[in-house]
C-alpha cells in the first residue's frame, strides 16, 4: 500500500498534539499537507525558498511543513511569473504538498527556542518566566511571547552574550536608551515582535525585528532593544519540532500491547486501530530539518 496517506494523516495528528490549531492567531494561515505517494520523508523549514525547494523535490519527500505560510494572502490564480508561486507549482507537479505552522511563532512561542538561555531550567534558576498574551493551552504552551524576570540585576552585555550564544549568532543589533541601566526584565517574542512588545513594561525587548519607529519609541521609554533577525529567533525551534514529531510517529507505530498508560492523552496513540502495513509506514518515516533554509540577510 502507499505510505503517503498514513504518513500525512498521522503527521497531522502529531502536529495537532504539538501545536493545537486552536492556538492559532487570526493572522495565521494554517494549511493541511497532502502527501506524495510512496515517499516517507517530512521536511521542516522556516521558509519555502528556492534552495529549500530543491531539497523538497527529492523523491523521498512526502511533506513539507513550513513555519511561515508559502501562501500568506488569498490568490485568485497561481502563476510562474511569481517565484514563490513557482515553487508551489513545482511541488504540486511532483505531488509534494506544503503545510504551514506559522502559529508556532505567534500562538506557541517555545521557551527553549526563544528565551536568552539554553533551557527552561536554566532560565528558572536565573529568574522566572511568564506568558505574554495570546491563547494558552497548558503551563508551558501558548501565548504570544514570554516575560523573563531575572532574580538579580544583570548588565545588558551579559544578556546580549547569552542571546548570541543560544542562537549561534556572531552579531545582533542593540539599541540603547539614553541612560544606561541594569536589566531585570526581558520581554521576548519570536519573529516580528514590535506590536506584541509595545505595551509590555520590560527593561529589554528581545525579538527578531521591529520597525524603525518602534525601536525609537522603545529607547525613548528607557528600554534596550535586541534584534536578532526575524527567522533567527524561529529557526531554533525546528530541531525541537523534529524531535517531537519523530517521537509521536514512533509512538503511533507501536503495537497496542506496547502502549504506555499515558499514551493517547491529548493526541497520543491509545485507541488507534492501525494495520501492520500502516505501522510499517510510520516506522519508515524520516523527519528532517532543512539544511539550506537560512536567514535571508547577512552582515557584509
Protein backbone atom coordinates (compact mmCIF):
# COMPACT_ATOMS: atom_id res chain seq x y z
CA UNK A 1 0.00 0.00 0.00
CA UNK A 2 1.06 3.62 -0.40
CA UNK A 3 2.99 5.10 2.55
CA UNK A 4 1.80 8.64 1.95
CA UNK A 5 -1.82 8.68 3.20
CA UNK A 6 -0.83 7.11 6.52
CA UNK A 7 2.12 9.46 6.95
CA UNK A 8 0.01 12.52 6.14
CA UNK A 9 -2.81 11.50 8.48
CA UNK A 10 -0.60 10.79 11.49
CA UNK A 11 1.73 13.72 10.89
CA UNK A 12 -1.34 15.96 11.13
CA UNK A 13 -2.42 14.13 14.28
CA UNK A 14 1.02 14.68 15.78
CA UNK A 15 1.05 18.36 14.80
CA UNK A 16 -2.33 18.86 16.47
CA UNK A 17 -0.87 17.45 19.69
CA UNK A 18 2.30 19.55 19.46
CA UNK A 19 0.64 22.78 18.31
CA UNK A 20 -3.17 22.68 18.51
CA UNK A 21 -4.94 24.69 15.82
CA UNK A 22 -6.97 26.46 18.48
CA UNK A 23 -3.78 28.30 19.49
CA UNK A 24 -3.55 29.88 16.03
CA UNK A 25 -3.93 33.65 15.92
CA UNK A 26 -6.20 35.46 13.47
CA UNK A 27 -3.28 36.31 11.15
CA UNK A 28 -2.05 32.70 10.93
CA UNK A 29 -2.67 30.89 7.68
CA UNK A 30 -2.58 27.21 8.56
CA UNK A 31 -2.91 24.71 5.73
CA UNK A 32 -3.05 20.91 5.77
CA UNK A 33 -0.46 18.94 3.80
CA UNK A 34 -1.28 16.13 1.38
CA UNK A 35 1.47 13.58 0.96
CA UNK A 36 3.32 12.40 -2.14
CA UNK A 37 2.70 8.71 -2.89
CA UNK A 38 5.38 6.19 -1.82
CA UNK A 39 7.51 8.84 -0.08
CA UNK A 40 8.46 8.75 3.59
CA UNK A 41 10.31 11.98 4.39
CA UNK A 42 8.90 15.02 6.23
CA UNK A 43 10.93 18.18 5.61
CA UNK A 44 10.79 21.04 8.14
CA UNK A 45 11.70 24.60 7.18
CA UNK A 46 11.10 28.20 8.15
CA UNK A 47 10.53 29.43 4.59
CA UNK A 48 9.95 27.73 1.25
CA UNK A 49 12.88 29.33 -0.57
CA UNK A 50 14.33 28.16 -3.94
CA UNK A 51 17.12 26.30 -2.13
CA UNK A 52 14.64 24.55 0.17
CA UNK A 53 12.56 23.73 -2.89
CA UNK A 54 15.48 21.74 -4.31
CA UNK A 55 15.58 19.71 -1.10
CA UNK A 56 11.83 19.21 -1.19
CA UNK A 57 11.95 17.87 -4.76
CA UNK A 58 13.95 14.85 -3.58
CA UNK A 59 11.96 11.70 -4.48
CA UNK A 60 11.64 10.61 -0.84
CA UNK A 61 9.99 13.86 0.35
CA UNK A 62 6.31 13.38 1.14
CA UNK A 63 5.52 16.51 3.15
CA UNK A 64 6.95 19.98 3.66
CA UNK A 65 6.00 21.66 6.94
CA UNK A 66 6.80 25.36 6.68
CA UNK A 67 6.91 27.62 9.74
CA UNK A 68 5.82 30.56 7.56
CA UNK A 69 2.91 30.04 5.15
CA UNK A 70 4.02 29.74 1.49
CA UNK A 71 0.73 31.44 0.59
CA UNK A 72 0.02 34.24 3.07
CA UNK A 73 -2.79 36.09 1.28
CA UNK A 74 -5.62 34.63 -0.85
CA UNK A 75 -4.71 34.17 -4.52
CA UNK A 76 -7.09 34.33 -7.45
CA UNK A 77 -4.56 32.41 -9.56
CA UNK A 78 -1.08 30.90 -9.35
CA UNK A 79 1.44 31.93 -11.96
CA UNK A 80 5.02 31.06 -12.94
CA UNK A 81 5.77 34.79 -13.02
CA UNK A 82 5.96 34.78 -9.21
CA UNK A 83 8.98 32.91 -7.80
CA UNK A 84 7.24 31.68 -4.64
CA UNK A 85 4.20 30.53 -6.60
CA UNK A 86 6.59 28.77 -8.99
CA UNK A 87 7.94 26.79 -6.02
CA UNK A 88 4.43 25.76 -5.03
CA UNK A 89 3.62 24.70 -8.59
CA UNK A 90 6.81 22.63 -8.84
CA UNK A 91 5.97 20.84 -5.61
CA UNK A 92 2.42 20.23 -6.78
CA UNK A 93 3.68 18.84 -10.09
CA UNK A 94 5.55 16.04 -8.32
CA UNK A 95 2.93 15.51 -5.64
CA UNK A 96 4.57 17.22 -2.65
CA UNK A 97 2.29 19.40 -0.57
CA UNK A 98 3.36 22.21 1.76
CA UNK A 99 1.64 22.77 5.10
CA UNK A 100 2.04 25.85 7.30
CA UNK A 101 2.77 26.08 11.03
CA UNK A 102 3.24 29.84 11.43
CA UNK A 103 1.23 29.70 14.67
CA UNK A 104 4.31 28.18 16.34
CA UNK A 105 5.81 31.69 16.35
CA UNK A 106 2.75 33.59 17.48
CA UNK A 107 0.45 31.18 19.27
CA UNK A 108 3.10 28.75 20.51
CA UNK A 109 6.37 30.52 21.31
CA UNK A 110 8.60 27.71 22.56
CA UNK A 111 10.58 28.81 25.60
CA UNK A 112 13.60 26.65 24.76
CA UNK A 113 13.92 28.26 21.34
CA UNK A 114 13.20 31.82 22.34
CA UNK A 115 14.42 32.91 25.75
CA UNK A 116 18.02 34.10 26.24
CA UNK A 117 19.45 30.93 27.78
CA UNK A 118 19.79 27.26 26.93
CA UNK A 119 16.81 25.60 28.64
CA UNK A 120 13.76 26.36 30.71
CA UNK A 121 15.57 25.03 33.78
CA UNK A 122 18.50 27.40 33.25
CA UNK A 123 16.08 30.29 33.00
CA UNK A 124 14.23 29.22 36.14
CA UNK A 125 17.50 29.13 38.06
CA UNK A 126 18.23 32.68 36.91
CA UNK A 127 14.68 34.02 37.05
CA UNK A 128 11.01 33.41 36.32
CA UNK A 129 9.11 33.13 33.04
CA UNK A 130 5.58 34.42 32.41
CA UNK A 131 3.28 34.45 29.39
CA UNK A 132 2.77 37.50 27.18
CA UNK A 133 -0.82 37.48 25.93
CA UNK A 134 -2.46 35.24 23.36
CA UNK A 135 -4.20 31.90 23.77
CA UNK A 136 -2.58 29.36 26.09
CA UNK A 137 -3.00 25.62 26.32
CA UNK A 138 -1.13 24.43 29.39
CA UNK A 139 1.57 25.75 31.69
CA UNK A 140 4.30 25.61 29.02
CA UNK A 141 2.36 26.17 25.78
CA UNK A 142 0.75 29.10 24.07
CA UNK A 143 0.99 32.83 24.43
CA UNK A 144 2.44 35.40 22.04
CA UNK A 145 5.72 35.66 23.91
CA UNK A 146 7.37 35.49 27.30
CA UNK A 147 8.43 37.87 30.05
CA UNK A 148 11.63 36.79 31.80
CA UNK A 149 12.13 38.23 35.28
CA UNK A 150 15.73 37.74 36.45
CA UNK A 151 16.46 37.19 40.13
CA UNK A 152 19.27 39.77 40.07
CA UNK A 153 20.23 42.78 38.03
CA UNK A 154 22.38 41.88 35.02
CA UNK A 155 24.42 44.05 32.66
CA UNK A 156 22.97 44.30 29.14
CA UNK A 157 26.29 43.00 27.79
CA UNK A 158 25.78 39.71 29.63
CA UNK A 159 22.23 39.40 28.32
CA UNK A 160 23.39 40.04 24.75
CA UNK A 161 26.14 37.41 25.00
CA UNK A 162 23.61 34.85 26.27
CA UNK A 163 21.33 35.60 23.34
CA UNK A 164 24.14 35.35 20.79
CA UNK A 165 25.40 32.11 22.29
CA UNK A 166 21.99 30.49 22.41
CA UNK A 167 21.04 31.46 18.86
CA UNK A 168 24.51 30.79 17.45
CA UNK A 169 24.95 34.36 16.18
CA UNK A 170 28.10 36.42 15.92
CA UNK A 171 26.22 39.71 15.78
CA UNK A 172 22.90 41.19 16.88
CA UNK A 173 21.52 44.72 16.66
CA UNK A 174 21.41 46.53 20.00
CA UNK A 175 19.63 49.83 20.65
CA UNK A 176 20.50 51.55 23.94
CA UNK A 177 18.45 54.08 25.94
CA UNK A 178 19.95 57.47 26.72
CA UNK A 179 20.54 56.49 30.36
CA UNK A 180 22.21 53.05 30.82
CA UNK A 181 20.54 50.68 33.26
CA UNK A 182 20.88 47.19 34.69
CA UNK A 183 18.49 44.54 33.39
CA UNK A 184 15.90 42.66 35.45
CA UNK A 185 13.08 42.04 32.94
CA UNK A 186 13.30 40.82 29.33
CA UNK A 187 10.25 40.69 27.03
CA UNK A 188 10.64 38.01 24.37
CA UNK A 189 8.78 37.45 21.09
CA UNK A 190 9.96 35.30 18.19
CA UNK A 191 9.81 36.79 14.70
CA UNK A 192 8.44 40.32 14.39
CA UNK A 193 7.64 41.42 17.92
CA UNK A 194 7.02 45.16 17.69
CA UNK A 195 3.25 45.08 18.13
CA UNK A 196 3.36 42.34 20.78
CA UNK A 197 6.02 44.03 22.94
CA UNK A 198 4.88 47.65 22.57
CA UNK A 199 2.64 47.63 25.64
CA UNK A 200 4.94 45.47 27.80
CA UNK A 201 6.84 47.02 30.71
CA UNK A 202 10.33 45.49 30.48
CA UNK A 203 13.96 46.60 30.54
CA UNK A 204 14.76 44.76 27.29
CA UNK A 205 12.77 43.92 24.17
CA UNK A 206 14.25 40.76 22.61
CA UNK A 207 12.83 39.81 19.21
CA UNK A 208 13.71 39.23 15.58
CA UNK A 209 12.74 42.55 14.05
CA UNK A 210 10.95 45.82 14.81
CA UNK A 211 10.24 48.86 12.67
CA UNK A 212 12.46 51.92 12.89
CA UNK A 213 9.83 53.91 14.77
CA UNK A 214 9.06 51.04 17.14
CA UNK A 215 12.75 50.94 18.10
CA UNK A 216 12.83 54.70 18.61
CA UNK A 217 9.75 54.54 20.84
CA UNK A 218 11.29 51.76 22.94
CA UNK A 219 14.60 53.53 23.60
CA UNK A 220 12.77 56.81 24.29
CA UNK A 221 10.93 54.89 27.02
CA UNK A 222 14.27 53.84 28.50
CA UNK A 223 14.42 50.29 27.15
CA UNK A 224 17.12 48.28 25.42
CA UNK A 225 16.17 46.58 22.14
CA UNK A 226 17.94 43.43 20.91
CA UNK A 227 17.11 42.44 17.31
CA UNK A 228 18.45 39.15 16.00
CA UNK A 229 16.83 38.82 12.56
CA UNK A 230 13.28 37.56 12.06
CA UNK A 231 13.95 33.91 11.26
CA UNK A 232 16.99 33.63 13.54
CA UNK A 233 14.60 33.72 16.50
CA UNK A 234 12.40 30.99 14.98
CA UNK A 235 14.81 28.51 13.38
CA UNK A 236 15.94 27.10 16.73
CA UNK A 237 12.51 25.55 17.16
CA UNK A 238 12.82 23.28 14.11
CA UNK A 239 15.07 20.64 15.79
CA UNK A 240 12.69 20.67 18.77
CA UNK A 241 9.73 20.13 16.44
CA UNK A 242 11.57 17.38 14.56
CA UNK A 243 12.29 15.53 17.80
CA UNK A 244 8.67 15.76 18.91
CA UNK A 245 7.37 14.58 15.53
CA UNK A 246 9.75 11.59 15.46
CA UNK A 247 8.71 10.57 18.97
CA UNK A 248 4.99 10.77 18.24
CA UNK A 249 5.19 8.94 14.90
CA UNK A 250 7.22 6.20 16.62
CA UNK A 251 4.60 6.05 19.38
CA UNK A 252 1.78 5.72 16.85
CA UNK A 253 3.68 2.86 15.16
CA UNK A 254 3.83 0.77 18.34
CA UNK A 255 1.64 -2.32 18.69
CA UNK A 256 -1.24 -1.85 21.11
CA UNK A 257 0.43 -4.17 23.63
CA UNK A 258 3.40 -1.78 23.87
CA UNK A 259 1.35 1.31 24.72
CA UNK A 260 2.13 3.06 27.97
CA UNK A 261 -0.71 4.13 30.30
CA UNK A 262 -0.22 7.76 29.24
CA UNK A 263 -0.26 7.01 25.52
CA UNK A 264 -3.21 8.58 23.83
CA UNK A 265 -3.51 11.56 26.17
CA UNK A 266 -4.37 14.59 24.04
CA UNK A 267 -3.50 13.09 20.67
CA UNK A 268 -1.43 10.10 21.76
CA UNK A 269 -1.55 6.57 20.41
CA UNK A 270 -4.06 4.89 22.72
CA UNK A 271 -7.07 3.55 20.88
CA UNK A 272 -5.53 3.77 17.41
CA UNK A 273 -6.52 0.97 15.08
CA UNK A 274 -3.69 0.64 12.56
CA UNK A 275 -2.94 -2.22 10.25
CA UNK A 276 0.56 -3.68 10.29
CA UNK A 277 1.18 -2.04 6.90
CA UNK A 278 0.28 1.36 8.39
CA UNK A 279 2.57 0.78 11.34
CA UNK A 280 5.39 -0.11 8.98
CA UNK A 281 4.74 3.10 7.08
CA UNK A 282 5.08 5.14 10.26
CA UNK A 283 8.20 3.25 11.34
CA UNK A 284 9.79 4.11 8.00
CA UNK A 285 9.04 7.84 8.33
CA UNK A 286 12.00 10.21 8.42
CA UNK A 287 11.77 13.76 9.77
CA UNK A 288 14.43 16.19 8.54
CA UNK A 289 15.25 19.83 9.21
CA UNK A 290 16.20 21.69 6.03
CA UNK A 291 19.93 22.10 5.54
CA UNK A 292 19.59 25.09 3.20
CA UNK A 293 16.95 27.17 4.98
CA UNK A 294 18.64 30.27 6.41
CA UNK A 295 18.04 33.89 7.32
CA UNK A 296 17.78 35.90 4.05
CA UNK A 297 20.02 38.73 5.28
CA UNK A 298 23.71 38.59 6.17
CA UNK A 299 26.18 41.10 7.57
CA UNK A 300 28.82 42.14 4.96
